[in-house]
Amino acid sequence: MSNFKDKACVKCPVFFPLIHQCNTISVTKANSTAMQTIWFVQQYKTGTITIKQFMDSVLKIVEEQTASRIEKTAVDSSLSNTSIRTTITEVTTFQGIRKDVTASELLQSKIIDENTFKDLSAGKLTVAEISEKDSVRKYLEGTNSIAGVYLQATKETLSIQEAKSRGLLTPGTSLVLLEAQAATGFVIDPVKNKKLSVEEAVAQGVVGKEWKSKLLSAERAVTGYKDPYTGDTISLFQALKKDLIVKDHGIRLLEAQIATGGIIDPVYSHRVPVQVAYERGYFDEEMNQILSDPDDDTKGFFDPNTQENLTYLQLIERCTTDPATNVLKIVEDEKDSVRKYLKGTNSIAGVYLQATKETLSIQEAKSRGLLTPGTSLVLLEAQAATGFVIDPVKNKKLSVEEAVAQGVVGKEWKSKLLSAERAVTGYKDPYTGDTISLFQALKKDLIVKDHGIRLLEAQIATGGIIDPVYSHRVPSQVAYERGYFDEEMNQILSDPDDDTKGFFDPNTQENLTYLQLIERCTTDPITGLCLLPLVK
């Protein structure tokens, strides 16, 4: 007969009796945990409690002792006239997103049913067999997030970072795609087919150091946020409800999780069915309505080929699956890449009044008192500095001279807008007479620093830095080579704490970068123009 001599005899036991039934149990030198557990075994065997009640009770006893692998040891309990042989089994574990998940947790989360749990306990099913079931794998691993870019012309696979470096994706589009990766499990290297934590991805050069802080923040959607009041680990949705993260940002990450298999429980490190998410406070009906509404401002992702704002699920549906690695990739059309450099992407063209469903020009919104003169001017300067002043009502792109002549902007702003337009047509070097770029004029102190940085950021956010000599945008690497950009300026524009937030959200009263403000805009379904929604 074996006795429980010390804690080493039993590693986090969950007891499953194999044969016989008894009325009394006497365990020599058994610790209280073992005695309680065997008592619950008896209750389960006699039908007094259900399997779920049994597991709930036992888990409370052994919660702090839960181990990670199956280990069996036989224990003979001497009874008056009956011998019971009880199998002592450590809680069976499955591989979750970032840590192991117990079988009992999968049962409680309704990912496996009681029959599957019993078959696993009895050895009729293995962890591997259960993990391979689509209904289980979906919650343990999730489905694929968008891993990279596929170039049709060259048949190359690029990481998001490399696509950004080549100017195929804007910094804004790249960042939200990487945040979606981090928030759904891992940052992905699609070339080497590796899944990495943010720390690993930065160390291996899969993402740039300038984005480490933002991606670590997104990664907490998986590992959990810390409640500043209780110290508890809370979910993405709970952090959103407590205003620990910006609403638009949180909704975008939540939508990415749902699109790739389900909301992640950061405590147990796996995804959960919708009903369980409701029960655990990780989701509610209001958020379900927001994410279910195709007209809502939840389209936080961007198709670089069509210039459309989409939900993550819609963007996934436009991707291709690599036959060798099974990773998802955005297909980059060469014609679209060329078009981006020739025309750029949309600047903020006007205002959309949600209450009346009207589209207004920036000038008209100012005249009605919906935008302050200062906010109106910087938005118009951004238009002029990225190509054209826009009439969103007639869907026309105009030079500053044309815009003033047609009353799209007021005469009082003509001088300032002509100055901003030189970010496109070029500045004249007073010493050499050469045509120089916006960045070069900034370096020569021909324009005020804050003003120049604001215009430069607007160019980058809408497709890339403009070469005024050849009148098109250029990839970042070419901009470096031609002296239109440098590492110092890249750091300034990449720093979220820098004073480069030269634009203003009239709805929230926040100072933002141009890229951030664009992300809050809506796309006119008819004209394709980017409009700033006003909730007033």
Protein backbone atom coordinates (compact mmCIF):
# COMPACT_ATOMS: atom_id res chain seq x y z
CA MET A 1 0.00 0.00 0.00
CA SER A 2 1.30 3.46 -0.94
CA ASN A 3 0.91 6.38 1.42
CA PHE A 4 0.91 10.17 0.88
CA LYS A 5 4.11 10.89 2.82
CA ASP A 6 4.60 14.44 1.62
CA LYS A 7 3.65 16.85 -1.14
CA ALA A 8 6.15 15.24 -3.48
CA CYS A 9 3.95 12.17 -3.66
CA VAL A 10 1.20 14.04 -5.49
CA LYS A 11 1.76 16.75 -8.10
CA CYS A 12 -1.37 18.85 -8.43
CA PRO A 13 -3.69 15.85 -8.29
CA VAL A 14 -7.03 15.48 -9.95
CA PHE A 15 -8.36 12.03 -9.02
CA PHE A 16 -10.29 9.84 -11.42
CA PRO A 17 -11.37 6.46 -9.89
CA LEU A 18 -11.04 3.47 -12.17
CA ILE A 19 -12.96 0.73 -10.33
CA HIS A 20 -15.13 0.03 -7.33
CA GLN A 21 -17.25 2.22 -5.17
CA CYS A 22 -16.89 2.82 -1.44
CA ASN A 23 -18.84 4.21 1.46
CA THR A 24 -15.92 5.34 3.61
CA ILE A 25 -12.37 6.28 2.75
CA SER A 26 -9.38 6.19 5.06
CA VAL A 27 -6.08 7.49 3.75
CA THR A 28 -3.10 6.96 5.99
CA LYS A 29 -1.08 10.14 6.48
CA ALA A 30 -2.89 11.79 3.57
CA ASN A 31 -2.74 15.57 3.46
CA SER A 32 -6.00 17.49 3.61
CA THR A 33 -5.93 18.31 -0.12
CA ALA A 34 -5.84 14.64 -1.06
CA MET A 35 -8.57 13.76 1.41
CA GLN A 36 -10.90 16.46 0.13
CA THR A 37 -10.27 15.44 -3.44
CA ILE A 38 -10.98 11.76 -2.83
CA TRP A 39 -14.21 12.77 -1.09
CA PHE A 40 -15.29 14.62 -4.26
CA VAL A 41 -14.40 11.51 -6.27
CA GLN A 42 -16.83 9.54 -4.13
CA GLN A 43 -19.57 12.14 -4.64
CA TYR A 44 -19.07 12.05 -8.40
CA LYS A 45 -19.05 8.23 -8.56
CA THR A 46 -22.30 7.99 -6.65
CA GLY A 47 -23.96 10.55 -8.89
CA THR A 48 -24.35 13.13 -6.13
CA ILE A 49 -22.53 15.78 -8.20
CA THR A 50 -22.04 16.28 -11.97
CA ILE A 51 -18.71 16.18 -13.76
CA LYS A 52 -18.74 19.99 -13.98
CA GLN A 53 -19.42 20.37 -10.25
CA PHE A 54 -16.70 17.84 -9.56
CA MET A 55 -14.16 19.74 -11.67
CA ASP A 56 -15.12 23.11 -10.22
CA SER A 57 -14.65 21.80 -6.68
CA VAL A 58 -11.36 20.06 -7.35
CA LEU A 59 -9.92 23.02 -9.25
CA LYS A 60 -10.54 25.24 -6.26
CA ILE A 61 -8.52 22.85 -4.13
CA VAL A 62 -5.57 22.40 -6.47
CA GLU A 63 -5.57 25.70 -8.36
CA GLU A 64 -2.23 26.87 -7.01
CA GLN A 65 -0.66 23.46 -7.56
CA THR A 66 -1.73 22.92 -11.18
CA ALA A 67 1.10 21.43 -13.20
CA SER A 68 1.57 21.24 -16.93
CA ARG A 69 1.88 17.62 -17.96
CA ILE A 70 0.18 14.26 -17.38
CA GLU A 71 1.80 12.09 -14.72
CA LYS A 72 0.17 9.06 -13.21
CA THR A 73 0.79 7.29 -9.95
CA ALA A 74 -1.19 4.51 -8.33
CA VAL A 75 -2.49 4.79 -4.79
CA ASP A 76 -4.02 1.90 -2.89
CA SER A 77 -6.43 3.02 -0.22
CA SER A 78 -7.00 0.36 2.43
CA LEU A 79 -10.68 0.03 3.19
CA SER A 80 -12.45 -2.24 5.70
CA ASN A 81 -13.45 -4.96 3.22
CA THR A 82 -12.89 -3.21 -0.15
CA SER A 83 -9.81 -2.06 -2.02
CA ILE A 84 -10.02 1.00 -4.26
CA ARG A 85 -7.36 1.80 -6.81
CA THR A 86 -7.42 5.51 -7.77
CA THR A 87 -5.55 7.10 -10.66
CA ILE A 88 -3.96 10.39 -9.67
CA THR A 89 -3.59 12.49 -12.79
CA GLU A 90 -2.13 15.92 -13.27
CA VAL A 91 -4.41 18.33 -15.09
CA THR A 92 -4.00 17.61 -18.80
CA THR A 93 -2.79 20.64 -20.73
CA PHE A 94 -3.06 21.98 -24.26
CA GLN A 95 -0.87 24.57 -25.93
CA GLY A 96 -2.58 27.95 -25.77
CA ILE A 97 -1.51 31.20 -27.41
CA ARG A 98 1.17 32.13 -24.89
CA LYS A 99 0.83 29.48 -22.17
CA ASP A 100 -0.65 26.05 -21.50
CA VAL A 101 -4.39 25.58 -21.07
CA THR A 102 -5.93 22.87 -18.89
CA ALA A 103 -8.55 20.45 -20.18
CA SER A 104 -10.88 21.58 -17.42
CA GLU A 105 -10.57 25.20 -18.59
CA LEU A 106 -11.52 24.11 -22.11
CA LEU A 107 -14.53 22.35 -20.63
CA GLN A 108 -15.56 25.40 -18.64
CA SER A 109 -15.13 27.58 -21.74
CA LYS A 110 -17.41 25.24 -23.72
CA ILE A 111 -14.63 24.52 -26.20
CA ILE A 112 -14.84 20.79 -25.45
CA ASP A 113 -17.88 18.96 -24.09
CA GLU A 114 -18.19 16.58 -21.14
CA ASN A 115 -17.94 13.47 -23.31
CA THR A 116 -14.65 14.64 -24.81
CA PHE A 117 -13.38 15.49 -21.33
CA LYS A 118 -14.30 12.00 -20.05
CA ASP A 119 -12.69 10.31 -23.07
CA LEU A 120 -9.50 12.29 -22.47
CA SER A 121 -9.52 11.35 -18.79
CA ALA A 122 -10.06 7.69 -19.63
CA GLY A 123 -7.29 7.68 -22.22
CA LYS A 124 -9.66 7.12 -25.13
CA LEU A 125 -8.53 10.44 -26.68
CA THR A 126 -5.18 12.19 -26.59
CA VAL A 127 -4.38 15.88 -26.28
CA ALA A 128 -3.01 15.81 -29.83
CA GLU A 129 -6.19 14.28 -31.25
CA ILE A 130 -8.41 16.82 -29.54
CA SER A 131 -6.13 19.72 -30.52
CA GLU A 132 -6.42 18.76 -34.18
CA LYS A 133 -10.18 19.15 -34.20
CA ASP A 134 -11.12 22.33 -36.08
CA SER A 135 -13.59 23.30 -33.37
CA VAL A 136 -10.80 23.22 -30.77
CA ARG A 137 -7.86 24.47 -32.84
CA LYS A 138 -9.82 27.59 -33.73
CA TYR A 139 -9.83 28.64 -30.07
CA LEU A 140 -6.33 27.46 -29.16
CA GLU A 141 -4.54 28.89 -32.19
CA GLY A 142 -7.03 31.11 -33.99
CA THR A 143 -7.00 31.56 -37.74
CA ASN A 144 -4.38 33.49 -39.66
CA SER A 145 -3.85 37.22 -39.40
CA ILE A 146 -2.43 39.10 -42.40
CA ALA A 147 1.26 38.18 -42.36
CA GLY A 148 2.80 40.14 -45.24
CA VAL A 149 2.61 41.28 -48.83
CA TYR A 150 2.80 39.33 -52.08
CA LEU A 151 4.13 41.18 -55.13
CA GLN A 152 2.45 39.83 -58.23
CA ALA A 153 5.03 41.30 -60.61
CA THR A 154 8.08 39.65 -58.99
CA LYS A 155 6.33 36.85 -57.08
CA GLU A 156 8.10 38.03 -53.92
CA THR A 157 6.82 37.68 -50.37
CA LEU A 158 7.63 40.68 -48.16
CA SER A 159 7.16 41.37 -44.49
CA ILE A 160 5.02 44.38 -43.61
CA GLN A 161 8.20 46.22 -42.54
CA GLU A 162 9.94 45.52 -45.85
CA ALA A 163 6.87 46.58 -47.84
CA LYS A 164 6.88 49.87 -45.91
CA SER A 165 10.61 50.35 -46.52
CA ARG A 166 10.08 49.89 -50.25
CA GLY A 167 7.24 52.41 -50.19
CA LEU A 168 4.61 49.81 -51.11
CA LEU A 169 2.67 50.44 -47.91
CA THR A 170 2.29 53.75 -46.12
CA PRO A 171 3.58 53.92 -42.54
CA GLY A 172 -0.01 54.15 -41.29
CA THR A 173 -1.22 51.08 -43.17
CA SER A 174 1.88 49.16 -42.06
CA LEU A 175 1.44 50.04 -38.41
CA VAL A 176 -2.22 48.99 -38.17
CA LEU A 177 -1.42 45.67 -39.88
CA LEU A 178 1.42 44.99 -37.44
CA GLU A 179 -0.74 46.00 -34.49
CA ALA A 180 -3.37 43.54 -35.69
CA GLN A 181 -0.72 40.80 -35.78
CA ALA A 182 0.47 41.59 -32.24
CA ALA A 183 -3.11 41.82 -30.92
CA THR A 184 -4.06 38.41 -32.34
CA GLY A 185 -1.13 36.42 -31.02
CA PHE A 186 2.21 37.06 -32.68
CA VAL A 187 4.13 39.28 -35.07
CA ILE A 188 4.75 37.22 -38.19
CA ASP A 189 7.83 36.87 -40.37
CA PRO A 190 6.20 35.61 -43.60
CA VAL A 191 9.54 34.96 -45.31
CA LYS A 192 10.88 32.60 -42.63
CA ASN A 193 7.38 31.54 -41.54
CA LYS A 194 8.03 32.39 -37.88
CA LYS A 195 5.68 33.65 -35.19
CA LEU A 196 7.36 36.02 -32.76
CA SER A 197 6.62 38.09 -29.70
CA VAL A 198 7.07 41.83 -30.19
CA GLU A 199 10.39 41.73 -28.32
CA GLU A 200 11.62 38.91 -30.57
CA ALA A 201 10.37 40.64 -33.72
CA VAL A 202 12.23 43.85 -32.88
CA ALA A 203 15.40 41.95 -31.93
CA GLN A 204 15.32 40.03 -35.23
CA GLY A 205 14.61 43.12 -37.33
CA VAL A 206 11.18 41.94 -38.47
CA VAL A 207 9.79 45.27 -37.26
CA GLY A 208 11.54 48.58 -36.64
CA LYS A 209 12.51 49.78 -33.17
CA GLU A 210 10.49 52.96 -33.67
CA TRP A 211 7.29 50.90 -33.43
CA LYS A 212 8.23 48.76 -30.44
CA SER A 213 6.23 50.81 -27.94
CA LYS A 214 3.05 50.81 -30.04
CA LEU A 215 3.29 47.09 -30.76
CA LEU A 216 3.93 46.19 -27.12
CA SER A 217 0.75 48.09 -26.33
CA ALA A 218 -1.18 46.12 -28.97
CA GLU A 219 0.31 42.87 -27.67
CA ARG A 220 -1.41 43.46 -24.33
CA ALA A 221 -4.64 42.54 -26.12
CA VAL A 222 -3.23 38.99 -25.84
CA THR A 223 -1.31 39.05 -22.57
CA GLY A 224 -3.76 41.31 -20.74
CA TYR A 225 -3.91 44.84 -19.42
CA LYS A 226 -3.34 45.69 -15.78
CA ASP A 227 -6.28 47.30 -14.02
CA PRO A 228 -4.69 50.35 -12.30
CA TYR A 229 -7.23 50.16 -9.47
CA THR A 230 -7.26 46.46 -8.62
CA GLY A 231 -4.05 45.16 -10.18
CA ASP A 232 -6.05 42.43 -11.94
CA THR A 233 -5.32 41.25 -15.45
CA ILE A 234 -8.17 42.41 -17.68
CA SER A 235 -9.08 41.87 -21.31
CA LEU A 236 -8.93 44.22 -24.28
CA PHE A 237 -12.65 44.95 -24.08
CA GLN A 238 -12.49 45.58 -20.33
CA ALA A 239 -9.56 47.97 -20.84
CA LEU A 240 -11.60 49.71 -23.52
CA LYS A 241 -14.56 50.09 -21.16
CA LYS A 242 -12.30 51.53 -18.47
CA ASP A 243 -10.84 54.08 -20.95
CA LEU A 244 -7.36 52.60 -20.61
CA ILE A 245 -7.03 52.61 -24.40
CA VAL A 246 -8.39 54.93 -27.11
CA LYS A 247 -11.78 53.75 -28.36
CA ASP A 248 -11.00 53.66 -32.11
CA HIS A 249 -7.75 51.82 -31.46
CA GLY A 250 -9.37 49.28 -29.14
CA ILE A 251 -12.24 48.59 -31.52
CA ARG A 252 -9.78 47.97 -34.36
CA LEU A 253 -7.85 45.40 -32.30
CA LEU A 254 -11.03 43.75 -31.03
CA GLU A 255 -12.36 43.42 -34.56
CA ALA A 256 -9.07 41.82 -35.62
CA GLN A 257 -9.37 39.23 -32.83
CA ILE A 258 -12.92 38.35 -33.78
CA ALA A 259 -11.97 38.11 -37.47
CA THR A 260 -9.21 35.61 -36.63
CA GLY A 261 -11.09 33.16 -34.44
CA GLY A 262 -12.55 34.92 -31.43
CA ILE A 263 -11.92 37.21 -28.48
CA ILE A 264 -8.81 36.28 -26.50
CA ASP A 265 -9.05 35.53 -22.78
CA PRO A 266 -5.74 36.92 -21.47
CA VAL A 267 -5.99 35.01 -18.20
CA TYR A 268 -6.19 31.56 -19.79
CA SER A 269 -4.44 32.44 -23.08
CA HIS A 270 -6.94 31.13 -25.58
CA ARG A 271 -9.88 32.41 -27.57
CA VAL A 272 -13.40 31.92 -26.30
CA PRO A 273 -16.80 31.43 -27.96
CA VAL A 274 -18.96 34.55 -28.14
CA GLN A 275 -21.33 33.38 -25.40
CA VAL A 276 -18.44 32.75 -23.01
CA ALA A 277 -17.01 36.16 -23.87
CA TYR A 278 -20.34 37.70 -22.85
CA GLU A 279 -20.38 35.72 -19.58
CA ARG A 280 -16.82 36.73 -18.66
CA GLY A 281 -17.39 40.40 -19.43
CA TYR A 282 -15.11 40.40 -22.48
CA PHE A 283 -17.85 41.58 -24.86
CA ASP A 284 -21.35 43.06 -24.78
CA GLU A 285 -24.31 43.67 -27.04
CA GLU A 286 -23.41 47.32 -27.64
CA MET A 287 -19.96 46.38 -28.95
CA ASN A 288 -21.48 43.57 -31.00
CA GLN A 289 -23.73 46.13 -32.70
CA ILE A 290 -20.81 48.48 -33.38
CA LEU A 291 -18.78 45.70 -35.01
CA SER A 292 -21.78 44.33 -36.92
CA ASP A 293 -22.63 47.69 -38.51
CA PRO A 294 -20.95 47.94 -41.93
CA ASP A 295 -21.60 51.68 -42.03
CA ASP A 296 -19.93 52.29 -38.70
CA ASP A 297 -16.54 53.95 -38.35
CA THR A 298 -14.99 50.59 -37.53
CA LYS A 299 -13.33 50.22 -40.91
CA GLY A 300 -9.89 50.77 -39.47
CA PHE A 301 -7.91 49.00 -42.20
CA PHE A 302 -6.92 50.10 -45.68
CA ASP A 303 -6.69 48.31 -49.02
CA PRO A 304 -3.60 49.75 -50.73
CA ASN A 305 -4.86 48.55 -54.11
CA THR A 306 -8.32 50.13 -54.11
CA GLN A 307 -7.74 52.91 -51.54
CA GLU A 308 -10.78 51.68 -49.57
CA ASN A 309 -11.25 51.65 -45.81
CA LEU A 310 -12.27 48.13 -44.76
CA THR A 311 -12.83 45.98 -41.71
CA TYR A 312 -10.09 43.46 -40.97
CA LEU A 313 -12.34 40.63 -42.06
CA GLN A 314 -12.99 42.33 -45.41
CA LEU A 315 -9.27 42.85 -45.95
CA ILE A 316 -8.54 39.21 -45.07
CA GLU A 317 -11.06 38.10 -47.69
CA ARG A 318 -9.01 39.95 -50.34
CA CYS A 319 -5.77 38.21 -49.35
CA THR A 320 -4.10 35.16 -50.83
CA THR A 321 -2.94 32.10 -48.88
CA ASP A 322 0.63 30.92 -49.40
CA PRO A 323 0.38 27.25 -50.49
CA ALA A 324 3.65 26.35 -48.78
CA THR A 325 3.39 28.17 -45.44
CA ASN A 326 -0.37 28.78 -45.25
CA VAL A 327 0.19 32.42 -44.23
CA LEU A 328 -2.11 35.19 -45.47
CA LYS A 329 -0.71 37.94 -47.69
CA ILE A 330 -2.04 41.11 -49.24
CA VAL A 331 -1.63 40.95 -53.00
CA GLU A 332 0.09 44.10 -54.18
CA ASP A 333 -0.75 45.00 -57.76
CA GLU A 334 2.16 46.64 -59.58
CA LYS A 335 -0.19 49.07 -61.34
CA ASP A 336 -1.56 50.19 -57.99
CA SER A 337 1.96 50.72 -56.66
CA VAL A 338 2.78 52.94 -59.62
CA ARG A 339 -0.50 54.83 -59.27
CA LYS A 340 0.25 55.53 -55.62
CA TYR A 341 3.49 57.31 -56.50
CA LEU A 342 1.96 59.21 -59.41
CA LYS A 343 -1.22 60.31 -57.64
CA GLY A 344 -0.78 59.55 -53.94
CA THR A 345 -3.62 58.52 -51.67
CA ASN A 346 -6.42 60.77 -50.48
CA SER A 347 -5.89 63.76 -48.24
CA ILE A 348 -8.81 64.91 -46.07
CA ALA A 349 -11.12 66.50 -48.64
CA GLY A 350 -13.95 67.87 -46.54
CA VAL A 351 -16.43 67.28 -43.76
CA TYR A 352 -19.34 64.84 -43.46
CA LEU A 353 -22.21 65.89 -41.18
CA GLN A 354 -23.63 62.72 -39.66
CA ALA A 355 -26.83 64.41 -38.49
CA THR A 356 -27.84 65.72 -41.94
CA LYS A 357 -25.72 63.43 -44.13
CA GLU A 358 -24.26 66.50 -45.88
CA THR A 359 -20.80 66.75 -47.42
CA LEU A 360 -19.17 70.15 -46.95
CA SER A 361 -15.94 71.73 -48.13
CA ILE A 362 -13.50 72.83 -45.44
CA GLN A 363 -14.35 76.45 -46.29
CA GLU A 364 -18.10 75.85 -45.88
CA ALA A 365 -17.59 74.01 -42.58
CA LYS A 366 -15.63 77.02 -41.32
CA SER A 367 -18.31 79.43 -42.51
CA ARG A 368 -20.95 77.47 -40.58
CA GLY A 369 -18.82 77.52 -37.44
CA LEU A 370 -18.29 73.76 -37.50
CA LEU A 371 -14.51 74.12 -37.79
CA THR A 372 -12.35 76.82 -36.25
CA PRO A 373 -10.33 79.01 -38.64
CA GLY A 374 -7.12 77.41 -37.35
CA THR A 375 -8.30 73.84 -37.92
CA SER A 376 -9.63 74.80 -41.35
CA LEU A 377 -6.37 76.39 -42.43
CA VAL A 378 -4.13 73.46 -41.50
CA LEU A 379 -6.47 71.04 -43.31
CA LEU A 380 -6.40 73.19 -46.45
CA GLU A 381 -2.62 73.58 -46.23
CA ALA A 382 -2.34 69.78 -46.03
CA GLN A 383 -4.44 69.51 -49.19
CA ALA A 384 -2.29 72.04 -51.05
CA ALA A 385 0.94 70.40 -49.82
CA THR A 386 -0.14 66.94 -51.00
CA GLY A 387 -1.20 67.86 -54.52
CA PHE A 388 -4.42 69.82 -54.84
CA VAL A 389 -7.10 71.75 -53.01
CA ILE A 390 -10.25 69.61 -53.14
CA ASP A 391 -13.88 70.50 -53.75
CA PRO A 392 -15.60 67.48 -52.16
CA VAL A 393 -19.06 68.50 -53.33
CA LYS A 394 -18.18 68.60 -57.02
CA ASN A 395 -15.35 66.07 -56.64
CA LYS A 396 -12.77 68.35 -58.25
CA LYS A 397 -9.05 68.72 -57.60
CA LEU A 398 -7.79 72.26 -58.06
CA SER A 399 -4.63 74.32 -57.85
CA VAL A 400 -4.69 77.06 -55.22
CA GLU A 401 -5.29 79.70 -57.91
CA GLU A 402 -8.23 77.71 -59.30
CA ALA A 403 -9.65 77.03 -55.84
CA VAL A 404 -9.63 80.73 -54.96
CA ALA A 405 -11.14 81.70 -58.32
CA GLN A 406 -13.97 79.17 -57.90
CA GLY A 407 -14.68 80.13 -54.28
CA VAL A 408 -13.67 76.78 -52.85
CA VAL A 409 -11.35 78.67 -50.47
CA GLY A 410 -11.42 82.29 -49.35
CA LYS A 411 -9.13 84.93 -50.83
CA GLU A 412 -7.80 85.72 -47.36
CA TRP A 413 -5.95 82.40 -47.35
CA LYS A 414 -4.51 82.54 -50.86
CA SER A 415 -1.02 83.60 -49.76
CA LYS A 416 -0.70 80.89 -47.10
CA LEU A 417 -2.00 78.18 -49.42
CA LEU A 418 0.33 79.19 -52.24
CA SER A 419 3.18 78.82 -49.77
CA ALA A 420 1.96 75.32 -48.79
CA GLU A 421 1.57 74.42 -52.48
CA ARG A 422 5.30 74.91 -52.94
CA ALA A 423 5.72 71.63 -51.05
CA VAL A 424 4.53 70.14 -54.37
CA THR A 425 5.95 72.54 -56.96
CA GLY A 426 9.19 73.18 -55.11
CA TYR A 427 10.90 76.01 -53.27
CA LYS A 428 13.53 78.24 -54.82
CA ASP A 429 16.95 78.12 -53.19
CA PRO A 430 17.84 81.82 -52.69
CA TYR A 431 21.53 81.08 -53.02
CA THR A 432 21.63 78.78 -56.05
CA GLY A 433 18.28 79.39 -57.73
CA ASP A 434 17.68 75.61 -57.79
CA THR A 435 14.28 74.03 -57.15
CA ILE A 436 14.44 72.25 -53.80
CA SER A 437 12.06 70.01 -51.85
CA LEU A 438 10.02 70.72 -48.75
CA PHE A 439 12.54 68.92 -46.53
CA GLN A 440 15.48 70.77 -48.07
CA ALA A 441 13.70 74.11 -47.57
CA LEU A 442 13.09 73.11 -43.97
CA LYS A 443 16.78 72.31 -43.47
CA LYS A 444 17.74 75.70 -44.95
CA ASP A 445 15.31 77.52 -42.61
CA LEU A 446 13.27 78.83 -45.54
CA ILE A 447 10.09 77.75 -43.74
CA VAL A 448 9.16 77.56 -40.06
CA LYS A 449 10.05 74.17 -38.58
CA ASP A 450 6.65 73.25 -37.08
CA HIS A 451 4.90 74.28 -40.29
CA GLY A 452 7.29 72.29 -42.47
CA ILE A 453 7.07 69.17 -40.32
CA ARG A 454 3.27 69.30 -40.49
CA LEU A 455 3.31 69.44 -44.30
CA LEU A 456 5.96 66.72 -44.57
CA GLU A 457 3.96 64.43 -42.30
CA ALA A 458 0.89 65.01 -44.48
CA GLN A 459 2.84 64.00 -47.60
CA ILE A 460 4.12 60.79 -46.01
CA ALA A 461 0.64 59.93 -44.69
CA THR A 462 -0.81 60.22 -48.21
CA GLY A 463 1.62 58.10 -50.16
CA GLY A 464 5.13 59.43 -49.80
CA ILE A 465 7.42 62.45 -50.05
CA ILE A 466 6.93 64.49 -53.23
CA ASP A 467 9.86 65.12 -55.56
CA PRO A 468 9.15 68.65 -56.85
CA VAL A 469 11.59 68.30 -59.74
CA TYR A 470 9.91 65.24 -61.27
CA SER A 471 6.43 65.88 -59.79
CA HIS A 472 5.71 62.51 -58.23
CA ARG A 473 6.10 60.80 -54.90
CA VAL A 474 9.10 58.62 -54.18
CA PRO A 475 9.74 55.56 -51.99
CA SER A 476 11.43 56.27 -48.65
CA GLN A 477 14.78 54.87 -49.80
CA VAL A 478 14.80 57.12 -52.87
CA ALA A 479 13.85 60.10 -50.69
CA TYR A 480 16.91 59.39 -48.51
CA GLU A 481 19.16 59.13 -51.57
CA ARG A 482 17.93 62.41 -53.08
CA GLY A 483 18.26 64.31 -49.81
CA TYR A 484 14.51 64.75 -49.34
CA PHE A 485 14.50 63.01 -45.98
CA ASP A 486 16.93 61.82 -43.28
CA GLU A 487 17.05 59.59 -40.22
CA GLU A 488 16.66 62.49 -37.79
CA MET A 489 13.41 63.58 -39.44
CA ASN A 490 12.23 59.97 -39.56
CA GLN A 491 12.71 59.74 -35.79
CA ILE A 492 10.81 63.00 -35.23
CA LEU A 493 7.85 61.79 -37.26
CA SER A 494 7.93 58.30 -35.71
CA ASP A 495 7.88 59.59 -32.13
CA PRO A 496 4.31 59.56 -30.81
CA ASP A 497 5.30 61.88 -27.97
CA ASP A 498 6.84 64.44 -30.26
CA ASP A 499 5.26 67.84 -30.94
CA THR A 500 4.37 66.72 -34.46
CA LYS A 501 0.68 66.39 -33.73
CA GLY A 502 -0.18 69.43 -35.79
CA PHE A 503 -3.79 68.52 -36.56
CA PHE A 504 -6.92 68.65 -34.45
CA ASP A 505 -9.94 66.36 -34.07
CA PRO A 506 -12.97 68.65 -33.61
CA ASN A 507 -15.00 65.77 -32.16
CA THR A 508 -12.64 64.77 -29.35
CA GLN A 509 -10.57 67.96 -29.00
CA GLU A 510 -7.38 65.91 -29.42
CA ASN A 511 -4.17 66.93 -31.15
CA LEU A 512 -3.25 64.26 -33.68
CA THR A 513 -0.88 63.52 -36.53
CA TYR A 514 -2.37 63.74 -40.02
CA LEU A 515 -2.25 59.97 -40.29
CA GLN A 516 -4.22 59.55 -37.07
CA LEU A 517 -6.82 62.02 -38.26
CA ILE A 518 -7.12 60.22 -41.61
CA GLU A 519 -7.76 56.97 -39.74
CA ARG A 520 -10.80 58.58 -38.12
CA CYS A 521 -12.24 59.66 -41.45
CA THR A 522 -14.85 57.98 -43.61
CA THR A 523 -14.64 57.29 -47.34
CA ASP A 524 -17.40 58.65 -49.57
CA PRO A 525 -18.77 55.53 -51.32
CA ILE A 526 -19.42 57.45 -54.56
CA THR A 527 -16.40 59.74 -54.93
CA GLY A 528 -13.88 57.77 -52.87
CA LEU A 529 -12.90 60.99 -51.09
CA CYS A 530 -11.74 61.03 -47.49
CA LEU A 531 -14.16 62.99 -45.26
CA LEU A 532 -13.88 64.02 -41.62
CA PRO A 533 -17.14 63.02 -39.88
CA LEU A 534 -18.59 65.62 -37.51
CA VAL A 535 -20.93 64.37 -34.82
CA LYS A 536 -22.26 67.84 -33.90
